[in-house]
Amino acid sequence: MGQINNIVIADGASTPVSHTFNPITRDRNLAIYKDKAPGITVAYPTIEMADRWQKEVDGSYKISWKLSVPTLATTAPTTSTGIQPAPTVGYTCWATGTFTVPNQASLQDKKNIYALAKNFIALTLMKDIVESQDFPT
């Protein structure tokens, strides 16, 4: 069983910066990690991972994840005293993924789906779709 440790991921800056996601909670089927570097709770990037057996459906094992990165709204003092309003989220970018592994899957099947998914996300095609909305035609 995997241990709940920090997750370190580099961002997409021209000089990549590593972000450390600290484990916040782990219950039976959910692990939550947060990058506390922004210093403002509502702005913490978050990773959520869940797992479950789908015994009632087909006996497969389902692993899902969600990465969310909020961006704070730009605000200006709105009072005559010049007090800055409380930070609020302006928008959030997020990505999700799900693996479904049937009980019959061999170790090689599991290795293949992981490698194919990882390499698919790393394709220039996917980069262009996400960064430039340049969908294949």
N, C-alpha and C. Protein backbone atom coordinates (compact mmCIF):
# COMPACT_ATOMS: atom_id res chain seq x y z
N MET A 1 0.85 -1.18 0.00
CA MET A 1 0.00 0.00 0.00
C MET A 1 0.89 1.24 0.00
N GLY A 2 0.54 2.23 -0.83
CA GLY A 2 1.31 3.46 -0.89
C GLY A 2 1.17 4.26 0.39
N GLN A 3 2.26 4.90 0.76
CA GLN A 3 2.27 5.75 1.94
C GLN A 3 1.80 7.14 1.57
N ILE A 4 1.16 7.83 2.51
CA ILE A 4 0.72 9.19 2.24
C ILE A 4 1.88 10.13 2.60
N ASN A 5 2.60 10.53 1.57
CA ASN A 5 3.74 11.44 1.69
C ASN A 5 3.49 12.66 0.83
N ASN A 6 4.39 13.64 0.94
CA ASN A 6 4.29 14.82 0.09
C ASN A 6 4.39 14.41 -1.38
N ILE A 7 3.72 15.19 -2.24
CA ILE A 7 3.83 15.02 -3.69
C ILE A 7 4.50 16.28 -4.21
N VAL A 8 5.58 16.12 -4.98
CA VAL A 8 6.30 17.28 -5.53
C VAL A 8 6.17 17.24 -7.05
N ILE A 9 5.64 18.33 -7.62
CA ILE A 9 5.40 18.41 -9.06
C ILE A 9 5.91 19.77 -9.56
N ALA A 10 6.61 19.75 -10.70
CA ALA A 10 7.09 21.00 -11.30
C ALA A 10 5.96 21.64 -12.11
N ASP A 11 5.94 22.97 -12.12
CA ASP A 11 4.91 23.68 -12.89
C ASP A 11 5.37 23.95 -14.32
N GLY A 12 4.63 24.76 -15.05
CA GLY A 12 4.92 25.01 -16.45
C GLY A 12 5.61 26.34 -16.71
N ALA A 13 6.23 26.94 -15.69
CA ALA A 13 6.93 28.21 -15.88
C ALA A 13 8.14 28.01 -16.79
N SER A 14 8.62 29.11 -17.39
CA SER A 14 9.80 28.99 -18.27
C SER A 14 10.99 28.43 -17.51
N THR A 15 11.10 28.77 -16.24
CA THR A 15 12.03 28.10 -15.34
C THR A 15 11.15 27.38 -14.33
N PRO A 16 10.92 26.07 -14.54
CA PRO A 16 9.95 25.35 -13.69
C PRO A 16 10.25 25.45 -12.20
N VAL A 17 9.18 25.61 -11.45
CA VAL A 17 9.24 25.67 -9.99
C VAL A 17 8.55 24.42 -9.46
N SER A 18 9.17 23.77 -8.49
CA SER A 18 8.56 22.59 -7.88
C SER A 18 7.56 23.02 -6.82
N HIS A 19 6.40 22.39 -6.84
CA HIS A 19 5.35 22.66 -5.86
C HIS A 19 5.19 21.42 -4.99
N THR A 20 5.15 21.62 -3.69
CA THR A 20 4.99 20.52 -2.76
C THR A 20 3.56 20.49 -2.25
N PHE A 21 2.90 19.38 -2.51
CA PHE A 21 1.53 19.16 -2.03
C PHE A 21 1.63 18.31 -0.78
N ASN A 22 1.20 18.88 0.34
CA ASN A 22 1.25 18.18 1.63
C ASN A 22 -0.02 17.39 1.87
N PRO A 23 0.10 16.17 2.45
CA PRO A 23 -1.12 15.42 2.76
C PRO A 23 -1.94 16.16 3.82
N ILE A 24 -3.21 16.33 3.55
CA ILE A 24 -4.11 17.00 4.49
C ILE A 24 -4.98 15.99 5.20
N THR A 25 -5.52 15.04 4.44
CA THR A 25 -6.38 14.03 5.05
C THR A 25 -6.31 12.75 4.24
N ARG A 26 -6.57 11.68 4.88
CA ARG A 26 -6.67 10.37 4.22
C ARG A 26 -7.70 9.58 4.99
N ASP A 27 -8.81 9.28 4.34
CA ASP A 27 -9.77 8.38 4.95
C ASP A 27 -9.78 7.11 4.12
N ARG A 28 -10.77 6.31 4.26
CA ARG A 28 -10.78 5.00 3.60
C ARG A 28 -10.61 5.07 2.09
N ASN A 29 -11.27 6.02 1.44
CA ASN A 29 -11.25 6.05 -0.02
C ASN A 29 -10.84 7.39 -0.62
N LEU A 30 -10.33 8.32 0.17
CA LEU A 30 -10.01 9.64 -0.34
C LEU A 30 -8.74 10.16 0.31
N ALA A 31 -7.82 10.66 -0.51
CA ALA A 31 -6.61 11.33 -0.01
C ALA A 31 -6.62 12.74 -0.60
N ILE A 32 -6.37 13.74 0.25
CA ILE A 32 -6.34 15.13 -0.19
C ILE A 32 -4.99 15.73 0.16
N TYR A 33 -4.41 16.42 -0.82
CA TYR A 33 -3.12 17.09 -0.66
C TYR A 33 -3.29 18.55 -1.04
N LYS A 34 -2.57 19.45 -0.36
CA LYS A 34 -2.65 20.88 -0.69
C LYS A 34 -1.25 21.48 -0.74
N ASP A 35 -1.06 22.40 -1.70
CA ASP A 35 0.16 23.18 -1.81
C ASP A 35 -0.08 24.48 -1.05
N LYS A 36 0.54 24.61 0.11
CA LYS A 36 0.27 25.75 0.98
C LYS A 36 1.13 26.97 0.67
N ALA A 37 1.95 26.90 -0.38
CA ALA A 37 2.86 27.99 -0.72
C ALA A 37 2.18 29.34 -0.94
N PRO A 38 0.97 29.37 -1.54
CA PRO A 38 0.35 30.69 -1.75
C PRO A 38 0.08 31.45 -0.44
N GLY A 39 -0.01 30.74 0.68
CA GLY A 39 -0.20 31.40 1.96
C GLY A 39 -1.63 31.83 2.27
N ILE A 40 -2.52 31.71 1.32
CA ILE A 40 -3.92 32.08 1.51
C ILE A 40 -4.75 30.83 1.24
N THR A 41 -5.49 30.38 2.23
CA THR A 41 -6.18 29.10 2.17
C THR A 41 -7.01 28.91 0.90
N VAL A 42 -7.76 29.91 0.49
CA VAL A 42 -8.62 29.74 -0.69
C VAL A 42 -7.81 29.58 -1.97
N ALA A 43 -6.52 29.91 -1.94
CA ALA A 43 -5.68 29.84 -3.13
C ALA A 43 -4.82 28.58 -3.18
N TYR A 44 -4.98 27.67 -2.23
CA TYR A 44 -4.17 26.46 -2.22
C TYR A 44 -4.51 25.55 -3.40
N PRO A 45 -3.54 25.25 -4.28
CA PRO A 45 -3.77 24.19 -5.26
C PRO A 45 -3.99 22.87 -4.52
N THR A 46 -4.85 22.01 -5.07
CA THR A 46 -5.26 20.80 -4.37
C THR A 46 -5.22 19.59 -5.29
N ILE A 47 -4.82 18.45 -4.73
CA ILE A 47 -4.91 17.17 -5.41
C ILE A 47 -5.83 16.29 -4.57
N GLU A 48 -6.82 15.69 -5.22
CA GLU A 48 -7.69 14.73 -4.55
C GLU A 48 -7.58 13.41 -5.30
N MET A 49 -7.42 12.32 -4.56
CA MET A 49 -7.36 10.99 -5.16
C MET A 49 -8.35 10.09 -4.44
N ALA A 50 -9.11 9.33 -5.21
CA ALA A 50 -10.10 8.42 -4.63
C ALA A 50 -9.95 7.05 -5.27
N ASP A 51 -10.29 6.03 -4.51
CA ASP A 51 -10.29 4.68 -5.07
C ASP A 51 -11.50 3.93 -4.53
N ARG A 52 -11.96 2.97 -5.35
CA ARG A 52 -13.07 2.14 -4.88
C ARG A 52 -13.19 0.90 -5.74
N TRP A 53 -13.66 -0.15 -5.13
CA TRP A 53 -14.00 -1.38 -5.85
C TRP A 53 -15.41 -1.23 -6.35
N GLN A 54 -15.66 -1.58 -7.59
CA GLN A 54 -17.00 -1.52 -8.17
C GLN A 54 -17.58 -2.93 -8.18
N LYS A 55 -17.68 -3.53 -7.01
CA LYS A 55 -18.16 -4.91 -6.91
C LYS A 55 -19.54 -5.07 -7.51
N GLU A 56 -20.41 -4.09 -7.26
CA GLU A 56 -21.78 -4.20 -7.73
C GLU A 56 -21.89 -4.06 -9.25
N VAL A 57 -20.90 -3.43 -9.88
CA VAL A 57 -20.95 -3.22 -11.32
C VAL A 57 -20.27 -4.37 -12.06
N ASP A 58 -18.96 -4.45 -11.94
CA ASP A 58 -18.22 -5.48 -12.68
C ASP A 58 -17.00 -6.00 -11.93
N GLY A 59 -16.87 -5.64 -10.67
CA GLY A 59 -15.75 -6.12 -9.88
C GLY A 59 -14.44 -5.42 -10.17
N SER A 60 -14.48 -4.33 -10.92
CA SER A 60 -13.24 -3.63 -11.25
C SER A 60 -12.84 -2.65 -10.14
N TYR A 61 -11.62 -2.18 -10.25
CA TYR A 61 -11.04 -1.23 -9.30
C TYR A 61 -10.96 0.11 -10.02
N LYS A 62 -11.46 1.17 -9.40
CA LYS A 62 -11.50 2.48 -10.04
C LYS A 62 -10.67 3.47 -9.23
N ILE A 63 -9.75 4.14 -9.91
CA ILE A 63 -8.89 5.14 -9.28
C ILE A 63 -9.15 6.46 -10.01
N SER A 64 -9.48 7.50 -9.28
CA SER A 64 -9.71 8.79 -9.92
C SER A 64 -8.93 9.87 -9.18
N TRP A 65 -8.63 10.94 -9.91
CA TRP A 65 -7.88 12.05 -9.32
C TRP A 65 -8.38 13.36 -9.89
N LYS A 66 -8.14 14.42 -9.13
CA LYS A 66 -8.50 15.77 -9.57
C LYS A 66 -7.42 16.71 -9.07
N LEU A 67 -6.92 17.55 -9.95
CA LEU A 67 -5.95 18.59 -9.61
C LEU A 67 -6.63 19.92 -9.87
N SER A 68 -6.69 20.78 -8.87
CA SER A 68 -7.30 22.09 -9.05
C SER A 68 -6.33 23.18 -8.62
N VAL A 69 -6.27 24.25 -9.44
CA VAL A 69 -5.35 25.36 -9.17
C VAL A 69 -6.14 26.66 -9.24
N PRO A 70 -6.51 27.20 -8.07
CA PRO A 70 -7.27 28.45 -8.06
C PRO A 70 -6.37 29.67 -8.30
N THR A 71 -6.96 30.71 -8.88
CA THR A 71 -6.28 31.99 -9.05
C THR A 71 -7.14 33.03 -8.35
N LEU A 72 -6.48 33.85 -7.54
CA LEU A 72 -7.21 34.86 -6.79
C LEU A 72 -7.68 35.98 -7.71
N ALA A 73 -8.84 36.53 -7.38
CA ALA A 73 -9.36 37.68 -8.11
C ALA A 73 -8.51 38.90 -7.76
N THR A 74 -8.34 39.78 -8.72
CA THR A 74 -7.61 41.02 -8.46
C THR A 74 -8.61 42.01 -7.88
N THR A 75 -8.27 42.49 -6.70
CA THR A 75 -9.19 43.43 -6.04
C THR A 75 -8.44 44.72 -5.71
N ALA A 76 -9.18 45.75 -5.51
CA ALA A 76 -8.62 47.04 -5.11
C ALA A 76 -9.37 47.50 -3.86
N PRO A 77 -8.73 48.33 -3.06
CA PRO A 77 -9.45 48.82 -1.88
C PRO A 77 -10.76 49.49 -2.29
N THR A 78 -11.82 49.12 -1.58
CA THR A 78 -13.13 49.67 -1.94
C THR A 78 -13.70 50.55 -0.83
N THR A 79 -12.94 50.75 0.21
CA THR A 79 -13.45 51.59 1.29
C THR A 79 -12.60 52.86 1.39
N SER A 80 -13.14 53.84 2.04
CA SER A 80 -12.40 55.10 2.19
C SER A 80 -11.18 54.92 3.10
N THR A 81 -11.15 53.84 3.87
CA THR A 81 -10.00 53.59 4.75
C THR A 81 -8.86 52.92 4.00
N GLY A 82 -9.12 52.42 2.77
CA GLY A 82 -8.08 51.76 2.00
C GLY A 82 -7.83 50.32 2.40
N ILE A 83 -8.75 49.74 3.16
CA ILE A 83 -8.60 48.36 3.60
C ILE A 83 -8.86 47.42 2.42
N GLN A 84 -7.93 46.52 2.20
CA GLN A 84 -8.05 45.55 1.10
C GLN A 84 -9.12 44.52 1.46
N PRO A 85 -10.03 44.22 0.52
CA PRO A 85 -11.04 43.19 0.79
C PRO A 85 -10.40 41.82 0.98
N ALA A 86 -11.13 40.91 1.60
CA ALA A 86 -10.65 39.55 1.80
C ALA A 86 -10.41 38.89 0.44
N PRO A 87 -9.36 38.08 0.33
CA PRO A 87 -9.08 37.41 -0.94
C PRO A 87 -10.21 36.47 -1.35
N THR A 88 -10.52 36.45 -2.63
CA THR A 88 -11.51 35.52 -3.17
C THR A 88 -10.95 34.89 -4.44
N VAL A 89 -11.45 33.72 -4.76
CA VAL A 89 -11.02 33.03 -5.97
C VAL A 89 -11.70 33.66 -7.18
N GLY A 90 -10.90 34.03 -8.16
CA GLY A 90 -11.43 34.57 -9.40
C GLY A 90 -11.85 33.46 -10.35
N TYR A 91 -11.02 32.43 -10.46
CA TYR A 91 -11.31 31.26 -11.28
C TYR A 91 -10.40 30.12 -10.87
N THR A 92 -10.72 28.91 -11.32
CA THR A 92 -9.94 27.72 -10.99
C THR A 92 -9.74 26.88 -12.24
N CYS A 93 -8.48 26.53 -12.52
CA CYS A 93 -8.17 25.57 -13.58
C CYS A 93 -8.10 24.20 -12.92
N TRP A 94 -8.63 23.18 -13.57
CA TRP A 94 -8.56 21.84 -12.99
C TRP A 94 -8.47 20.78 -14.06
N ALA A 95 -7.95 19.64 -13.65
CA ALA A 95 -7.83 18.48 -14.53
C ALA A 95 -8.25 17.26 -13.73
N THR A 96 -8.84 16.30 -14.43
CA THR A 96 -9.26 15.06 -13.76
C THR A 96 -8.85 13.86 -14.60
N GLY A 97 -8.81 12.74 -13.97
CA GLY A 97 -8.51 11.49 -14.67
C GLY A 97 -9.06 10.31 -13.90
N THR A 98 -9.34 9.24 -14.62
CA THR A 98 -9.86 8.02 -14.00
C THR A 98 -9.24 6.81 -14.67
N PHE A 99 -8.83 5.87 -13.86
CA PHE A 99 -8.38 4.56 -14.34
C PHE A 99 -9.39 3.54 -13.85
N THR A 100 -9.82 2.65 -14.73
CA THR A 100 -10.66 1.54 -14.32
C THR A 100 -9.92 0.27 -14.69
N VAL A 101 -9.64 -0.55 -13.68
CA VAL A 101 -8.83 -1.75 -13.86
C VAL A 101 -9.69 -2.98 -13.52
N PRO A 102 -10.08 -3.75 -14.54
CA PRO A 102 -10.88 -4.95 -14.27
C PRO A 102 -10.10 -5.96 -13.43
N ASN A 103 -10.82 -6.78 -12.70
CA ASN A 103 -10.18 -7.81 -11.87
C ASN A 103 -9.30 -8.74 -12.69
N GLN A 104 -9.66 -8.98 -13.95
CA GLN A 104 -8.92 -9.92 -14.79
C GLN A 104 -7.62 -9.32 -15.32
N ALA A 105 -7.41 -8.02 -15.17
CA ALA A 105 -6.24 -7.37 -15.75
C ALA A 105 -4.95 -7.91 -15.14
N SER A 106 -3.99 -8.19 -16.03
CA SER A 106 -2.68 -8.66 -15.57
C SER A 106 -1.84 -7.45 -15.14
N LEU A 107 -0.72 -7.72 -14.51
CA LEU A 107 0.19 -6.65 -14.14
C LEU A 107 0.63 -5.89 -15.39
N GLN A 108 0.88 -6.60 -16.48
CA GLN A 108 1.29 -5.94 -17.72
C GLN A 108 0.18 -5.05 -18.26
N ASP A 109 -1.08 -5.49 -18.16
CA ASP A 109 -2.21 -4.64 -18.57
C ASP A 109 -2.21 -3.34 -17.78
N LYS A 110 -1.97 -3.44 -16.48
CA LYS A 110 -1.96 -2.25 -15.61
C LYS A 110 -0.81 -1.33 -15.95
N LYS A 111 0.37 -1.92 -16.20
CA LYS A 111 1.53 -1.11 -16.60
C LYS A 111 1.25 -0.39 -17.92
N ASN A 112 0.63 -1.11 -18.86
CA ASN A 112 0.34 -0.52 -20.16
C ASN A 112 -0.63 0.65 -20.08
N ILE A 113 -1.73 0.51 -19.36
CA ILE A 113 -2.71 1.60 -19.30
C ILE A 113 -2.12 2.82 -18.61
N TYR A 114 -1.32 2.59 -17.57
CA TYR A 114 -0.66 3.72 -16.89
C TYR A 114 0.30 4.43 -17.84
N ALA A 115 1.18 3.68 -18.51
CA ALA A 115 2.17 4.27 -19.40
C ALA A 115 1.50 4.98 -20.58
N LEU A 116 0.50 4.36 -21.17
CA LEU A 116 -0.20 4.99 -22.29
C LEU A 116 -0.88 6.29 -21.86
N ALA A 117 -1.54 6.29 -20.71
CA ALA A 117 -2.21 7.51 -20.22
C ALA A 117 -1.19 8.61 -19.93
N LYS A 118 -0.10 8.25 -19.25
CA LYS A 118 0.94 9.22 -18.92
C LYS A 118 1.54 9.81 -20.19
N ASN A 119 1.84 8.96 -21.15
CA ASN A 119 2.44 9.43 -22.40
C ASN A 119 1.45 10.20 -23.27
N PHE A 120 0.18 9.85 -23.20
CA PHE A 120 -0.85 10.60 -23.92
C PHE A 120 -0.93 12.03 -23.40
N ILE A 121 -0.96 12.19 -22.10
CA ILE A 121 -1.03 13.54 -21.51
C ILE A 121 0.20 14.34 -21.87
N ALA A 122 1.36 13.68 -22.04
CA ALA A 122 2.62 14.36 -22.35
C ALA A 122 2.76 14.73 -23.83
N LEU A 123 1.85 14.29 -24.69
CA LEU A 123 1.95 14.58 -26.12
C LEU A 123 1.87 16.08 -26.40
N THR A 124 2.59 16.51 -27.43
CA THR A 124 2.49 17.89 -27.89
C THR A 124 1.06 18.21 -28.29
N LEU A 125 0.36 17.23 -28.86
CA LEU A 125 -1.04 17.39 -29.22
C LEU A 125 -1.85 17.88 -28.01
N MET A 126 -1.70 17.22 -26.87
CA MET A 126 -2.44 17.61 -25.66
C MET A 126 -2.00 18.98 -25.16
N LYS A 127 -0.71 19.25 -25.22
CA LYS A 127 -0.18 20.56 -24.80
C LYS A 127 -0.82 21.66 -25.64
N ASP A 128 -0.87 21.46 -26.96
CA ASP A 128 -1.46 22.46 -27.85
C ASP A 128 -2.95 22.64 -27.59
N ILE A 129 -3.65 21.56 -27.31
CA ILE A 129 -5.09 21.66 -27.03
C ILE A 129 -5.32 22.46 -25.75
N VAL A 130 -4.55 22.18 -24.70
CA VAL A 130 -4.75 22.86 -23.42
C VAL A 130 -4.28 24.31 -23.47
N GLU A 131 -3.07 24.54 -23.99
CA GLU A 131 -2.50 25.88 -23.96
C GLU A 131 -3.08 26.82 -25.02
N SER A 132 -3.38 26.30 -26.20
CA SER A 132 -3.80 27.16 -27.31
C SER A 132 -5.20 26.88 -27.81
N GLN A 133 -5.90 25.95 -27.18
CA GLN A 133 -7.21 25.51 -27.66
C GLN A 133 -7.13 25.12 -29.14
N ASP A 134 -5.99 24.53 -29.52
CA ASP A 134 -5.74 24.12 -30.90
C ASP A 134 -6.13 22.65 -31.06
N PHE A 135 -7.44 22.43 -31.19
CA PHE A 135 -7.98 21.07 -31.29
C PHE A 135 -7.76 20.52 -32.68
N PRO A 136 -7.42 19.24 -32.83
CA PRO A 136 -7.18 18.68 -34.16
C PRO A 136 -8.43 18.75 -35.04
N THR A 137 -8.22 19.09 -36.30
CA THR A 137 -9.34 19.18 -37.23
C THR A 137 -9.18 18.20 -38.36
